[in-house]
Amino acid sequence: MDQNINEILKTIDFYYEILENPEVCTNISSEYMKKIFQACIYIENTIRKIEEEEKEACFESHLSAWMLKKNKNINYRCSDLKNACDKMLEFCLKEKKISTIIIDELLQMYIQQCGSVRLESSINYTLTKSMQANAILQALKNLEFSKTDIEDEILIASWDFEIKLGNKIKVIEYIADMFNKECFSKLIELAYKSETGSSINILILNLFSKKLLKNHLRLYLELKNTKRKVLLKLLADNSQFQVTFVDSTFYFGRSMEYDHECGWITNTGFSYSDLENMIKVFLDGPSELHILIINRIKIAKELDEIWKDIERDCVL
């Protein structure tokens, strides 16, 4: 064992002092949380190296001797330490004494070091292991105005867990509540970040489809203004959403009137330029969407003059 054995043993001792003595978390500072997480990273890296060198038995012997000096008659193993970051995250999420501000900072450190995929997996494991879903949802509610990817990943994971528990109606109500509060951009991001065909992806896009059947203007304008890659993914994710969004586009297009001085005008906030740009987005999409739009324009131009101009400006 190398000369750093005492350093790693002290770090592990510090790590377990946190996990086994929740009172130390009272009024915990940002700097102290940073120190804790750095210790977790150091432990994981060290254990990984020990496993690569196949020195687990030797190290565990040193660790047991160290803990006996601390009057701790517990056999700690490398397998208990290899995911130190996850165990610390679980501990902090459960510990009511730690403020949501500190939790947010911990999540940011976690995502920077471990990535969003591991974060989602860790949260799912924690929830499945028995953490009450309502507790984490309340913590997320306190972070509601944060637009970080971290929050989105956790929110998706917590909703997925609720659905697995049989609480799909509750998740539908959460989504509907966000829609009623006009959190359209947030819902768009959640649909985009969730896996194609996942429960969350389907629930959000089905709600969008239902609203677009009634040509919901505010939702349509928010979708129109989103990034091209985001919109194209959502259109590809859900065929019903694709149909209703295209239908709304043609609805708002044919609602325009022609003014000899100003050209095509409308009072919806959806301009001819917007229509032109949206048609170009469709045409740049998957081949089936491209063909759909070409055929729709061919039919529509027989009924409304505006589509002849769109065909000239976007297709020909």
C-alpha atoms as a PDB file:
ATOM      1  CA  MET A   1       0.000   0.000   0.000  1.00  0.00           C
ATOM      2  CA  ASP A   2       1.379   3.414  -0.957  1.00  0.00           C
ATOM      3  CA  GLN A   3       2.366   6.231   1.360  1.00  0.00           C
ATOM      4  CA  ASN A   4      -1.020   7.940   0.943  1.00  0.00           C
ATOM      5  CA  ILE A   5      -2.782   5.260   3.001  1.00  0.00           C
ATOM      6  CA  ASN A   6      -3.223   7.551   5.994  1.00  0.00           C
ATOM      7  CA  GLU A   7      -4.686  10.286   3.822  1.00  0.00           C
ATOM      8  CA  ILE A   8      -7.347   8.041   2.302  1.00  0.00           C
ATOM      9  CA  LEU A   9      -8.155   6.492   5.699  1.00  0.00           C
ATOM     10  CA  LYS A  10      -8.648   9.956   7.214  1.00  0.00           C
ATOM     11  CA  THR A  11     -10.852  10.925   4.269  1.00  0.00           C
ATOM     12  CA  ILE A  12     -12.989   7.816   4.657  1.00  0.00           C
ATOM     13  CA  ASP A  13     -13.267   8.499   8.383  1.00  0.00           C
ATOM     14  CA  PHE A  14     -14.454  12.044   7.591  1.00  0.00           C
ATOM     15  CA  TYR A  15     -16.943  10.647   5.052  1.00  0.00           C
ATOM     16  CA  TYR A  16     -18.500   8.257   7.562  1.00  0.00           C
ATOM     17  CA  GLU A  17     -18.591  10.941  10.247  1.00  0.00           C
ATOM     18  CA  ILE A  18     -21.013  12.810   7.974  1.00  0.00           C
ATOM     19  CA  LEU A  19     -23.158   9.792   7.103  1.00  0.00           C
ATOM     20  CA  GLU A  20     -23.363   8.502  10.672  1.00  0.00           C
ATOM     21  CA  ASN A  21     -23.837  11.828  12.463  1.00  0.00           C
ATOM     22  CA  PRO A  22     -26.601  13.886  10.805  1.00  0.00           C
ATOM     23  CA  GLU A  23     -26.273  16.609  13.452  1.00  0.00           C
ATOM     24  CA  VAL A  24     -23.089  17.828  11.751  1.00  0.00           C
ATOM     25  CA  CYS A  25     -25.298  18.962   8.868  1.00  0.00           C
ATOM     26  CA  THR A  26     -26.940  21.697  10.922  1.00  0.00           C
ATOM     27  CA  ASN A  27     -26.176  25.063   9.277  1.00  0.00           C
ATOM     28  CA  ILE A  28     -23.816  23.409   6.807  1.00  0.00           C
ATOM     29  CA  SER A  29     -22.046  25.940   4.553  1.00  0.00           C
ATOM     30  CA  SER A  30     -21.385  25.905   0.814  1.00  0.00           C
ATOM     31  CA  GLU A  31     -17.651  25.522   1.406  1.00  0.00           C
ATOM     32  CA  TYR A  32     -18.176  22.598   3.752  1.00  0.00           C
ATOM     33  CA  MET A  33     -20.444  20.859   1.251  1.00  0.00           C
ATOM     34  CA  LYS A  34     -17.768  21.366  -1.396  1.00  0.00           C
ATOM     35  CA  LYS A  35     -15.232  19.750   0.950  1.00  0.00           C
ATOM     36  CA  ILE A  36     -17.571  16.802   1.525  1.00  0.00           C
ATOM     37  CA  PHE A  37     -18.146  16.212  -2.161  1.00  0.00           C
ATOM     38  CA  GLN A  38     -14.445  16.509  -2.984  1.00  0.00           C
ATOM     39  CA  ALA A  39     -13.845  13.827  -0.353  1.00  0.00           C
ATOM     40  CA  CYS A  40     -16.386  11.582  -2.081  1.00  0.00           C
ATOM     41  CA  ILE A  41     -14.680  12.045  -5.443  1.00  0.00           C
ATOM     42  CA  TYR A  42     -11.292  11.279  -3.877  1.00  0.00           C
ATOM     43  CA  ILE A  43     -12.673   8.118  -2.266  1.00  0.00           C
ATOM     44  CA  GLU A  44     -14.217   6.872  -5.513  1.00  0.00           C
ATOM     45  CA  ASN A  45     -11.021   7.483  -7.488  1.00  0.00           C
ATOM     46  CA  THR A  46      -8.909   5.743  -4.859  1.00  0.00           C
ATOM     47  CA  ILE A  47     -11.191   2.710  -4.614  1.00  0.00           C
ATOM     48  CA  ARG A  48     -11.220   2.428  -8.398  1.00  0.00           C
ATOM     49  CA  LYS A  49      -7.420   2.320  -8.413  1.00  0.00           C
ATOM     50  CA  ILE A  50      -7.356  -0.249  -5.587  1.00  0.00           C
ATOM     51  CA  GLU A  51      -9.759  -2.486  -7.505  1.00  0.00           C
ATOM     52  CA  GLU A  52      -7.700  -2.164 -10.687  1.00  0.00           C
ATOM     53  CA  GLU A  53      -4.623  -3.288  -8.738  1.00  0.00           C
ATOM     54  CA  GLU A  54      -6.654  -6.050  -7.021  1.00  0.00           C
ATOM     55  CA  LYS A  55      -5.594  -4.866  -3.559  1.00  0.00           C
ATOM     56  CA  GLU A  56      -9.043  -4.793  -1.965  1.00  0.00           C
ATOM     57  CA  ALA A  57      -8.251  -7.328   0.776  1.00  0.00           C
ATOM     58  CA  CYS A  58      -5.077  -5.517   1.836  1.00  0.00           C
ATOM     59  CA  PHE A  59      -6.806  -2.145   1.904  1.00  0.00           C
ATOM     60  CA  GLU A  60      -9.821  -3.444   3.830  1.00  0.00           C
ATOM     61  CA  SER A  61      -7.425  -4.843   6.434  1.00  0.00           C
ATOM     62  CA  HIS A  62      -5.858  -1.394   6.905  1.00  0.00           C
ATOM     63  CA  LEU A  63      -9.325   0.181   7.020  1.00  0.00           C
ATOM     64  CA  SER A  64     -10.580  -2.239   9.692  1.00  0.00           C
ATOM     65  CA  ALA A  65      -7.496  -1.591  11.845  1.00  0.00           C
ATOM     66  CA  TRP A  66      -8.011   2.161  11.508  1.00  0.00           C
ATOM     67  CA  MET A  67     -11.678   1.942  12.478  1.00  0.00           C
ATOM     68  CA  LEU A  68     -10.883  -0.238  15.504  1.00  0.00           C
ATOM     69  CA  LYS A  69      -8.648   2.563  16.783  1.00  0.00           C
ATOM     70  CA  LYS A  70     -11.734   4.782  16.487  1.00  0.00           C
ATOM     71  CA  ASN A  71     -13.754   2.244  18.500  1.00  0.00           C
ATOM     72  CA  LYS A  72     -15.793   1.344  15.412  1.00  0.00           C
ATOM     73  CA  ASN A  73     -16.198  -2.411  15.194  1.00  0.00           C
ATOM     74  CA  ILE A  74     -17.647  -2.310  11.678  1.00  0.00           C
ATOM     75  CA  ASN A  75     -16.230  -4.049   8.617  1.00  0.00           C
ATOM     76  CA  TYR A  76     -16.269  -1.377   5.914  1.00  0.00           C
ATOM     77  CA  ARG A  77     -15.609  -2.755   2.430  1.00  0.00           C
ATOM     78  CA  CYS A  78     -14.491  -1.298  -0.878  1.00  0.00           C
ATOM     79  CA  SER A  79     -17.903  -2.134  -2.310  1.00  0.00           C
ATOM     80  CA  ASP A  80     -19.405   0.244   0.275  1.00  0.00           C
ATOM     81  CA  LEU A  81     -17.178   3.087  -0.907  1.00  0.00           C
ATOM     82  CA  LYS A  82     -17.032   2.754  -4.694  1.00  0.00           C
ATOM     83  CA  ASN A  83     -20.202   4.880  -5.067  1.00  0.00           C
ATOM     84  CA  ALA A  84     -19.478   7.405  -2.329  1.00  0.00           C
ATOM     85  CA  CYS A  85     -20.958  10.295  -4.335  1.00  0.00           C
ATOM     86  CA  ASP A  86     -24.294   8.500  -4.743  1.00  0.00           C
ATOM     87  CA  LYS A  87     -24.541   7.606  -1.058  1.00  0.00           C
ATOM     88  CA  MET A  88     -23.750  11.177  -0.033  1.00  0.00           C
ATOM     89  CA  LEU A  89     -26.352  12.496  -2.487  1.00  0.00           C
ATOM     90  CA  GLU A  90     -28.970  10.122  -1.065  1.00  0.00           C
ATOM     91  CA  PHE A  91     -28.067  11.134   2.488  1.00  0.00           C
ATOM     92  CA  CYS A  92     -28.328  14.857   1.731  1.00  0.00           C
ATOM     93  CA  LEU A  93     -31.640  14.548  -0.120  1.00  0.00           C
ATOM     94  CA  LYS A  94     -33.133  12.754   2.877  1.00  0.00           C
ATOM     95  CA  GLU A  95     -31.634  15.055   5.511  1.00  0.00           C
ATOM     96  CA  LYS A  96     -34.156  17.783   6.375  1.00  0.00           C
ATOM     97  CA  LYS A  97     -31.528  19.935   8.118  1.00  0.00           C
ATOM     98  CA  ILE A  98     -29.772  20.679   4.828  1.00  0.00           C
ATOM     99  CA  SER A  99     -31.226  23.696   3.022  1.00  0.00           C
ATOM    100  CA  THR A 100     -32.461  23.524  -0.572  1.00  0.00           C
ATOM    101  CA  ILE A 101     -29.777  26.061  -1.525  1.00  0.00           C
ATOM    102  CA  ILE A 102     -27.041  23.678  -0.382  1.00  0.00           C
ATOM    103  CA  ILE A 103     -28.819  20.761  -2.076  1.00  0.00           C
ATOM    104  CA  ASP A 104     -28.892  22.731  -5.326  1.00  0.00           C
ATOM    105  CA  GLU A 105     -25.149  23.379  -5.052  1.00  0.00           C
ATOM    106  CA  LEU A 106     -24.520  19.685  -4.357  1.00  0.00           C
ATOM    107  CA  LEU A 107     -26.527  18.722  -7.427  1.00  0.00           C
ATOM    108  CA  GLN A 108     -24.534  21.120  -9.554  1.00  0.00           C
ATOM    109  CA  MET A 109     -21.255  19.633  -8.298  1.00  0.00           C
ATOM    110  CA  TYR A 110     -22.594  16.131  -8.889  1.00  0.00           C
ATOM    111  CA  ILE A 111     -23.647  16.826 -12.469  1.00  0.00           C
ATOM    112  CA  GLN A 112     -20.291  18.455 -13.250  1.00  0.00           C
ATOM    113  CA  GLN A 113     -18.310  15.494 -11.926  1.00  0.00           C
ATOM    114  CA  CYS A 114     -20.578  12.529 -12.625  1.00  0.00           C
ATOM    115  CA  GLY A 115     -22.888  13.590 -15.456  1.00  0.00           C
ATOM    116  CA  SER A 116     -26.662  13.791 -15.861  1.00  0.00           C
ATOM    117  CA  VAL A 117     -27.119  10.116 -16.792  1.00  0.00           C
ATOM    118  CA  ARG A 118     -25.587   8.931 -13.512  1.00  0.00           C
ATOM    119  CA  LEU A 119     -27.580  11.581 -11.646  1.00  0.00           C
ATOM    120  CA  GLU A 120     -30.877  10.292 -13.027  1.00  0.00           C
ATOM    121  CA  SER A 121     -29.874   6.704 -12.263  1.00  0.00           C
ATOM    122  CA  SER A 122     -28.887   7.637  -8.714  1.00  0.00           C
ATOM    123  CA  ILE A 123     -32.133   9.517  -8.090  1.00  0.00           C
ATOM    124  CA  ASN A 124     -34.187   6.624  -9.450  1.00  0.00           C
ATOM    125  CA  TYR A 125     -32.294   4.189  -7.218  1.00  0.00           C
ATOM    126  CA  THR A 126     -32.805   6.405  -4.186  1.00  0.00           C
ATOM    127  CA  LEU A 127     -36.517   6.706  -4.865  1.00  0.00           C
ATOM    128  CA  THR A 128     -36.912   2.990  -5.518  1.00  0.00           C
ATOM    129  CA  LYS A 129     -34.993   2.183  -2.354  1.00  0.00           C
ATOM    130  CA  SER A 130     -37.805   3.827  -0.352  1.00  0.00           C
ATOM    131  CA  MET A 131     -37.261   7.546  -0.340  1.00  0.00           C
ATOM    132  CA  GLN A 132     -40.689   9.141  -0.246  1.00  0.00           C
ATOM    133  CA  ALA A 133     -41.480  10.647  -3.639  1.00  0.00           C
ATOM    134  CA  ASN A 134     -43.353  13.550  -2.066  1.00  0.00           C
ATOM    135  CA  ALA A 135     -40.222  14.638  -0.196  1.00  0.00           C
ATOM    136  CA  ILE A 136     -38.130  14.973  -3.322  1.00  0.00           C
ATOM    137  CA  LEU A 137     -40.989  16.570  -5.242  1.00  0.00           C
ATOM    138  CA  GLN A 138     -41.293  19.177  -2.499  1.00  0.00           C
ATOM    139  CA  ALA A 139     -37.558  19.830  -2.703  1.00  0.00           C
ATOM    140  CA  LEU A 140     -37.881  20.252  -6.451  1.00  0.00           C
ATOM    141  CA  LYS A 141     -40.835  22.589  -5.972  1.00  0.00           C
ATOM    142  CA  ASN A 142     -38.603  24.820  -3.867  1.00  0.00           C
ATOM    143  CA  LEU A 143     -36.190  24.940  -6.817  1.00  0.00           C
ATOM    144  CA  GLU A 144     -39.002  25.600  -9.300  1.00  0.00           C
ATOM    145  CA  PHE A 145     -37.518  28.732 -10.809  1.00  0.00           C
ATOM    146  CA  SER A 146     -34.143  27.182 -11.525  1.00  0.00           C
ATOM    147  CA  LYS A 147     -33.771  26.430 -15.234  1.00  0.00           C
ATOM    148  CA  THR A 148     -30.822  24.090 -14.899  1.00  0.00           C
ATOM    149  CA  ASP A 149     -30.588  20.741 -16.600  1.00  0.00           C
ATOM    150  CA  ILE A 150     -30.105  19.230 -13.144  1.00  0.00           C
ATOM    151  CA  GLU A 151     -33.599  20.116 -12.024  1.00  0.00           C
ATOM    152  CA  ASP A 152     -35.114  18.832 -15.243  1.00  0.00           C
ATOM    153  CA  GLU A 153     -33.365  15.463 -14.903  1.00  0.00           C
ATOM    154  CA  ILE A 154     -34.559  15.056 -11.325  1.00  0.00           C
ATOM    155  CA  LEU A 155     -38.095  16.153 -12.146  1.00  0.00           C
ATOM    156  CA  ILE A 156     -38.287  13.637 -14.988  1.00  0.00           C
ATOM    157  CA  ALA A 157     -36.928  10.899 -12.706  1.00  0.00           C
ATOM    158  CA  SER A 158     -39.377  11.728  -9.906  1.00  0.00           C
ATOM    159  CA  TRP A 159     -42.352  11.756 -12.297  1.00  0.00           C
ATOM    160  CA  ASP A 160     -41.237   8.432 -13.765  1.00  0.00           C
ATOM    161  CA  PHE A 161     -41.115   7.021 -10.253  1.00  0.00           C
ATOM    162  CA  GLU A 162     -44.628   8.277  -9.471  1.00  0.00           C
ATOM    163  CA  ILE A 163     -45.892   6.551 -12.609  1.00  0.00           C
ATOM    164  CA  LYS A 164     -44.163   3.305 -11.586  1.00  0.00           C
ATOM    165  CA  LEU A 165     -45.958   3.573  -8.236  1.00  0.00           C
ATOM    166  CA  GLY A 166     -49.274   3.738 -10.095  1.00  0.00           C
ATOM    167  CA  ASN A 167     -49.706   7.487  -9.600  1.00  0.00           C
ATOM    168  CA  LYS A 168     -50.017   8.419 -13.271  1.00  0.00           C
ATOM    169  CA  ILE A 169     -53.035  10.634 -12.569  1.00  0.00           C
ATOM    170  CA  LYS A 170     -50.958  12.642 -10.091  1.00  0.00           C
ATOM    171  CA  VAL A 171     -48.282  13.257 -12.744  1.00  0.00           C
ATOM    172  CA  ILE A 172     -50.944  14.283 -15.268  1.00  0.00           C
ATOM    173  CA  GLU A 173     -52.200  16.783 -12.691  1.00  0.00           C
ATOM    174  CA  TYR A 174     -48.658  18.152 -12.158  1.00  0.00           C
ATOM    175  CA  ILE A 175     -48.256  18.639 -15.912  1.00  0.00           C
ATOM    176  CA  ALA A 176     -51.712  20.215 -16.256  1.00  0.00           C
ATOM    177  CA  ASP A 177     -50.949  22.580 -13.378  1.00  0.00           C
ATOM    178  CA  MET A 178     -47.729  23.706 -15.064  1.00  0.00           C
ATOM    179  CA  PHE A 179     -49.635  24.228 -18.316  1.00  0.00           C
ATOM    180  CA  ASN A 180     -52.343  26.268 -16.577  1.00  0.00           C
ATOM    181  CA  LYS A 181     -49.584  28.440 -15.100  1.00  0.00           C
ATOM    182  CA  GLU A 182     -48.325  28.877 -18.691  1.00  0.00           C
ATOM    183  CA  CYS A 183     -44.981  27.216 -17.983  1.00  0.00           C
ATOM    184  CA  PHE A 184     -44.890  26.278 -21.659  1.00  0.00           C
ATOM    185  CA  SER A 185     -41.140  26.596 -22.160  1.00  0.00           C
ATOM    186  CA  LYS A 186     -40.490  24.347 -19.133  1.00  0.00           C
ATOM    187  CA  LEU A 187     -42.830  21.658 -20.433  1.00  0.00           C
ATOM    188  CA  ILE A 188     -41.234  21.862 -23.876  1.00  0.00           C
ATOM    189  CA  GLU A 189     -37.794  21.335 -22.315  1.00  0.00           C
ATOM    190  CA  LEU A 190     -39.033  18.379 -20.258  1.00  0.00           C
ATOM    191  CA  ALA A 191     -40.593  16.758 -23.321  1.00  0.00           C
ATOM    192  CA  TYR A 192     -37.382  17.325 -25.273  1.00  0.00           C
ATOM    193  CA  LYS A 193     -35.103  15.933 -22.544  1.00  0.00           C
ATOM    194  CA  SER A 194     -37.258  12.886 -21.833  1.00  0.00           C
ATOM    195  CA  GLU A 195     -36.692   9.781 -23.924  1.00  0.00           C
ATOM    196  CA  THR A 196     -38.755   9.344 -27.073  1.00  0.00           C
ATOM    197  CA  GLY A 197     -41.790   7.225 -26.236  1.00  0.00           C
ATOM    198  CA  SER A 198     -41.277   7.506 -22.471  1.00  0.00           C
ATOM    199  CA  SER A 199     -44.284   8.132 -20.240  1.00  0.00           C
ATOM    200  CA  ILE A 200     -43.331  11.760 -19.586  1.00  0.00           C
ATOM    201  CA  ASN A 201     -42.678  12.447 -23.264  1.00  0.00           C
ATOM    202  CA  ILE A 202     -46.053  10.977 -24.230  1.00  0.00           C
ATOM    203  CA  LEU A 203     -48.049  12.726 -21.488  1.00  0.00           C
ATOM    204  CA  ILE A 204     -46.682  16.182 -22.302  1.00  0.00           C
ATOM    205  CA  LEU A 205     -47.010  15.848 -26.079  1.00  0.00           C
ATOM    206  CA  ASN A 206     -50.508  14.386 -25.753  1.00  0.00           C
ATOM    207  CA  LEU A 207     -51.507  17.420 -23.702  1.00  0.00           C
ATOM    208  CA  PHE A 208     -49.976  19.714 -26.327  1.00  0.00           C
ATOM    209  CA  SER A 209     -51.907  17.853 -29.042  1.00  0.00           C
ATOM    210  CA  LYS A 210     -55.170  18.262 -27.141  1.00  0.00           C
ATOM    211  CA  LYS A 211     -54.608  22.005 -26.744  1.00  0.00           C
ATOM    212  CA  LEU A 212     -53.526  22.476 -30.363  1.00  0.00           C
ATOM    213  CA  LEU A 213     -56.732  20.811 -31.553  1.00  0.00           C
ATOM    214  CA  LYS A 214     -58.329  24.019 -30.278  1.00  0.00           C
ATOM    215  CA  ASN A 215     -55.519  26.096 -31.849  1.00  0.00           C
ATOM    216  CA  HIS A 216     -54.133  27.298 -28.504  1.00  0.00           C
ATOM    217  CA  LEU A 217     -52.339  30.464 -29.635  1.00  0.00           C
ATOM    218  CA  ARG A 218     -49.984  31.005 -26.678  1.00  0.00           C
ATOM    219  CA  LEU A 219     -48.764  27.412 -26.783  1.00  0.00           C
ATOM    220  CA  TYR A 220     -48.354  27.536 -30.545  1.00  0.00           C
ATOM    221  CA  LEU A 221     -46.293  30.732 -30.411  1.00  0.00           C
ATOM    222  CA  GLU A 222     -44.060  29.253 -27.690  1.00  0.00           C
ATOM    223  CA  LEU A 223     -43.461  26.152 -29.798  1.00  0.00           C
ATOM    224  CA  LYS A 224     -42.868  28.294 -32.870  1.00  0.00           C
ATOM    225  CA  ASN A 225     -40.186  30.250 -31.028  1.00  0.00           C
ATOM    226  CA  THR A 226     -38.340  27.227 -29.661  1.00  0.00           C
ATOM    227  CA  LYS A 227     -35.066  26.001 -31.132  1.00  0.00           C
ATOM    228  CA  ARG A 228     -35.354  24.200 -34.454  1.00  0.00           C
ATOM    229  CA  LYS A 229     -33.687  20.996 -33.208  1.00  0.00           C
ATOM    230  CA  VAL A 230     -36.030  20.884 -30.205  1.00  0.00           C
ATOM    231  CA  LEU A 231     -39.178  21.326 -32.290  1.00  0.00           C
ATOM    232  CA  LEU A 232     -38.098  18.779 -34.901  1.00  0.00           C
ATOM    233  CA  LYS A 233     -37.400  16.182 -32.190  1.00  0.00           C
ATOM    234  CA  LEU A 234     -40.837  16.700 -30.652  1.00  0.00           C
ATOM    235  CA  LEU A 235     -42.496  16.444 -34.066  1.00  0.00           C
ATOM    236  CA  ALA A 236     -40.628  13.183 -34.687  1.00  0.00           C
ATOM    237  CA  ASP A 237     -41.398  11.864 -31.183  1.00  0.00           C
ATOM    238  CA  ASN A 238     -45.182  11.879 -31.468  1.00  0.00           C
ATOM    239  CA  SER A 239     -47.215  11.519 -34.680  1.00  0.00           C
ATOM    240  CA  GLN A 240     -50.374  12.999 -33.150  1.00  0.00           C
ATOM    241  CA  PHE A 241     -48.468  16.051 -31.968  1.00  0.00           C
ATOM    242  CA  GLN A 242     -46.952  16.412 -35.440  1.00  0.00           C
ATOM    243  CA  VAL A 243     -50.398  16.374 -37.069  1.00  0.00           C
ATOM    244  CA  THR A 244     -51.967  18.865 -34.664  1.00  0.00           C
ATOM    245  CA  PHE A 245     -49.010  21.258 -34.831  1.00  0.00           C
ATOM    246  CA  VAL A 246     -49.043  21.208 -38.639  1.00  0.00           C
ATOM    247  CA  ASP A 247     -52.832  21.691 -38.594  1.00  0.00           C
ATOM    248  CA  SER A 248     -52.469  24.722 -36.316  1.00  0.00           C
ATOM    249  CA  THR A 249     -49.810  26.173 -38.605  1.00  0.00           C
ATOM    250  CA  PHE A 250     -52.156  25.933 -41.583  1.00  0.00           C
ATOM    251  CA  TYR A 251     -55.028  27.300 -39.476  1.00  0.00           C
ATOM    252  CA  PHE A 252     -53.112  30.416 -38.463  1.00  0.00           C
ATOM    253  CA  GLY A 253     -51.834  30.744 -42.030  1.00  0.00           C
ATOM    254  CA  ARG A 254     -55.252  30.754 -43.657  1.00  0.00           C
ATOM    255  CA  SER A 255     -56.509  33.167 -40.985  1.00  0.00           C
ATOM    256  CA  MET A 256     -54.326  35.919 -42.465  1.00  0.00           C
ATOM    257  CA  GLU A 257     -55.783  38.646 -44.656  1.00  0.00           C
ATOM    258  CA  TYR A 258     -54.129  40.435 -47.542  1.00  0.00           C
ATOM    259  CA  ASP A 259     -53.547  44.183 -47.342  1.00  0.00           C
ATOM    260  CA  HIS A 260     -52.426  45.935 -50.535  1.00  0.00           C
ATOM    261  CA  GLU A 261     -50.003  48.125 -48.591  1.00  0.00           C
ATOM    262  CA  CYS A 262     -48.736  45.734 -45.909  1.00  0.00           C
ATOM    263  CA  GLY A 263     -49.133  42.322 -47.520  1.00  0.00           C
ATOM    264  CA  TRP A 264     -50.411  39.407 -45.446  1.00  0.00           C
ATOM    265  CA  ILE A 265     -51.485  40.581 -41.981  1.00  0.00           C
ATOM    266  CA  THR A 266     -53.009  39.070 -38.861  1.00  0.00           C
ATOM    267  CA  ASN A 267     -53.927  40.056 -35.313  1.00  0.00           C
ATOM    268  CA  THR A 268     -52.612  36.835 -33.748  1.00  0.00           C
ATOM    269  CA  GLY A 269     -48.945  37.826 -33.513  1.00  0.00           C
ATOM    270  CA  PHE A 270     -48.134  35.141 -36.089  1.00  0.00           C
ATOM    271  CA  SER A 271     -46.786  36.971 -39.144  1.00  0.00           C
ATOM    272  CA  TYR A 272     -46.301  35.893 -42.745  1.00  0.00           C
ATOM    273  CA  SER A 273     -42.573  35.783 -42.034  1.00  0.00           C
ATOM    274  CA  ASP A 274     -43.274  33.411 -39.118  1.00  0.00           C
ATOM    275  CA  LEU A 275     -45.374  31.214 -41.388  1.00  0.00           C
ATOM    276  CA  GLU A 276     -42.659  31.191 -44.029  1.00  0.00           C
ATOM    277  CA  ASN A 277     -39.999  30.237 -41.467  1.00  0.00           C
ATOM    278  CA  MET A 278     -42.164  27.491 -39.982  1.00  0.00           C
ATOM    279  CA  ILE A 279     -42.840  25.926 -43.369  1.00  0.00           C
ATOM    280  CA  LYS A 280     -39.089  25.931 -44.020  1.00  0.00           C
ATOM    281  CA  VAL A 281     -38.518  24.145 -40.695  1.00  0.00           C
ATOM    282  CA  PHE A 282     -41.025  21.480 -41.734  1.00  0.00           C
ATOM    283  CA  LEU A 283     -39.389  21.090 -45.134  1.00  0.00           C
ATOM    284  CA  ASP A 284     -35.983  20.642 -43.469  1.00  0.00           C
ATOM    285  CA  GLY A 285     -37.389  17.893 -41.261  1.00  0.00           C
ATOM    286  CA  PRO A 286     -37.708  14.145 -41.903  1.00  0.00           C
ATOM    287  CA  SER A 287     -38.690  13.105 -45.425  1.00  0.00           C
ATOM    288  CA  GLU A 288     -42.208  12.060 -44.385  1.00  0.00           C
ATOM    289  CA  LEU A 289     -42.825  15.500 -42.869  1.00  0.00           C
ATOM    290  CA  HIS A 290     -41.403  17.185 -45.981  1.00  0.00           C
ATOM    291  CA  ILE A 291     -43.762  15.192 -48.214  1.00  0.00           C
ATOM    292  CA  LEU A 292     -46.727  15.898 -45.922  1.00  0.00           C
ATOM    293  CA  ILE A 293     -46.149  19.658 -46.126  1.00  0.00           C
ATOM    294  CA  ILE A 294     -45.714  19.652 -49.911  1.00  0.00           C
ATOM    295  CA  ASN A 295     -49.018  17.802 -50.310  1.00  0.00           C
ATOM    296  CA  ARG A 296     -50.808  20.055 -47.809  1.00  0.00           C
ATOM    297  CA  ILE A 297     -49.662  23.164 -49.663  1.00  0.00           C
ATOM    298  CA  LYS A 298     -50.862  21.739 -52.994  1.00  0.00           C
ATOM    299  CA  ILE A 299     -54.339  21.262 -51.538  1.00  0.00           C
ATOM    300  CA  ALA A 300     -54.408  24.481 -49.496  1.00  0.00           C
ATOM    301  CA  LYS A 301     -53.423  26.770 -52.393  1.00  0.00           C
ATOM    302  CA  GLU A 302     -56.641  25.799 -54.179  1.00  0.00           C
ATOM    303  CA  LEU A 303     -58.605  27.292 -51.291  1.00  0.00           C
ATOM    304  CA  ASP A 304     -56.530  30.232 -50.023  1.00  0.00           C
ATOM    305  CA  GLU A 305     -54.253  32.569 -51.983  1.00  0.00           C
ATOM    306  CA  ILE A 306     -51.679  32.776 -49.186  1.00  0.00           C
ATOM    307  CA  TRP A 307     -50.474  29.248 -49.917  1.00  0.00           C
ATOM    308  CA  LYS A 308     -49.583  30.196 -53.470  1.00  0.00           C
ATOM    309  CA  ASP A 309     -47.228  32.803 -52.009  1.00  0.00           C
ATOM    310  CA  ILE A 310     -45.859  30.282 -49.522  1.00  0.00           C
ATOM    311  CA  GLU A 311     -45.246  27.791 -52.325  1.00  0.00           C
ATOM    312  CA  ARG A 312     -43.425  30.484 -54.283  1.00  0.00           C
ATOM    313  CA  ASP A 313     -41.312  31.621 -51.305  1.00  0.00           C
ATOM    314  CA  CYS A 314     -40.590  28.248 -49.684  1.00  0.00           C
ATOM    315  CA  VAL A 315     -40.919  25.474 -52.230  1.00  0.00           C
ATOM    316  CA  LEU A 316     -40.262  26.677 -55.779  1.00  0.00           C
END
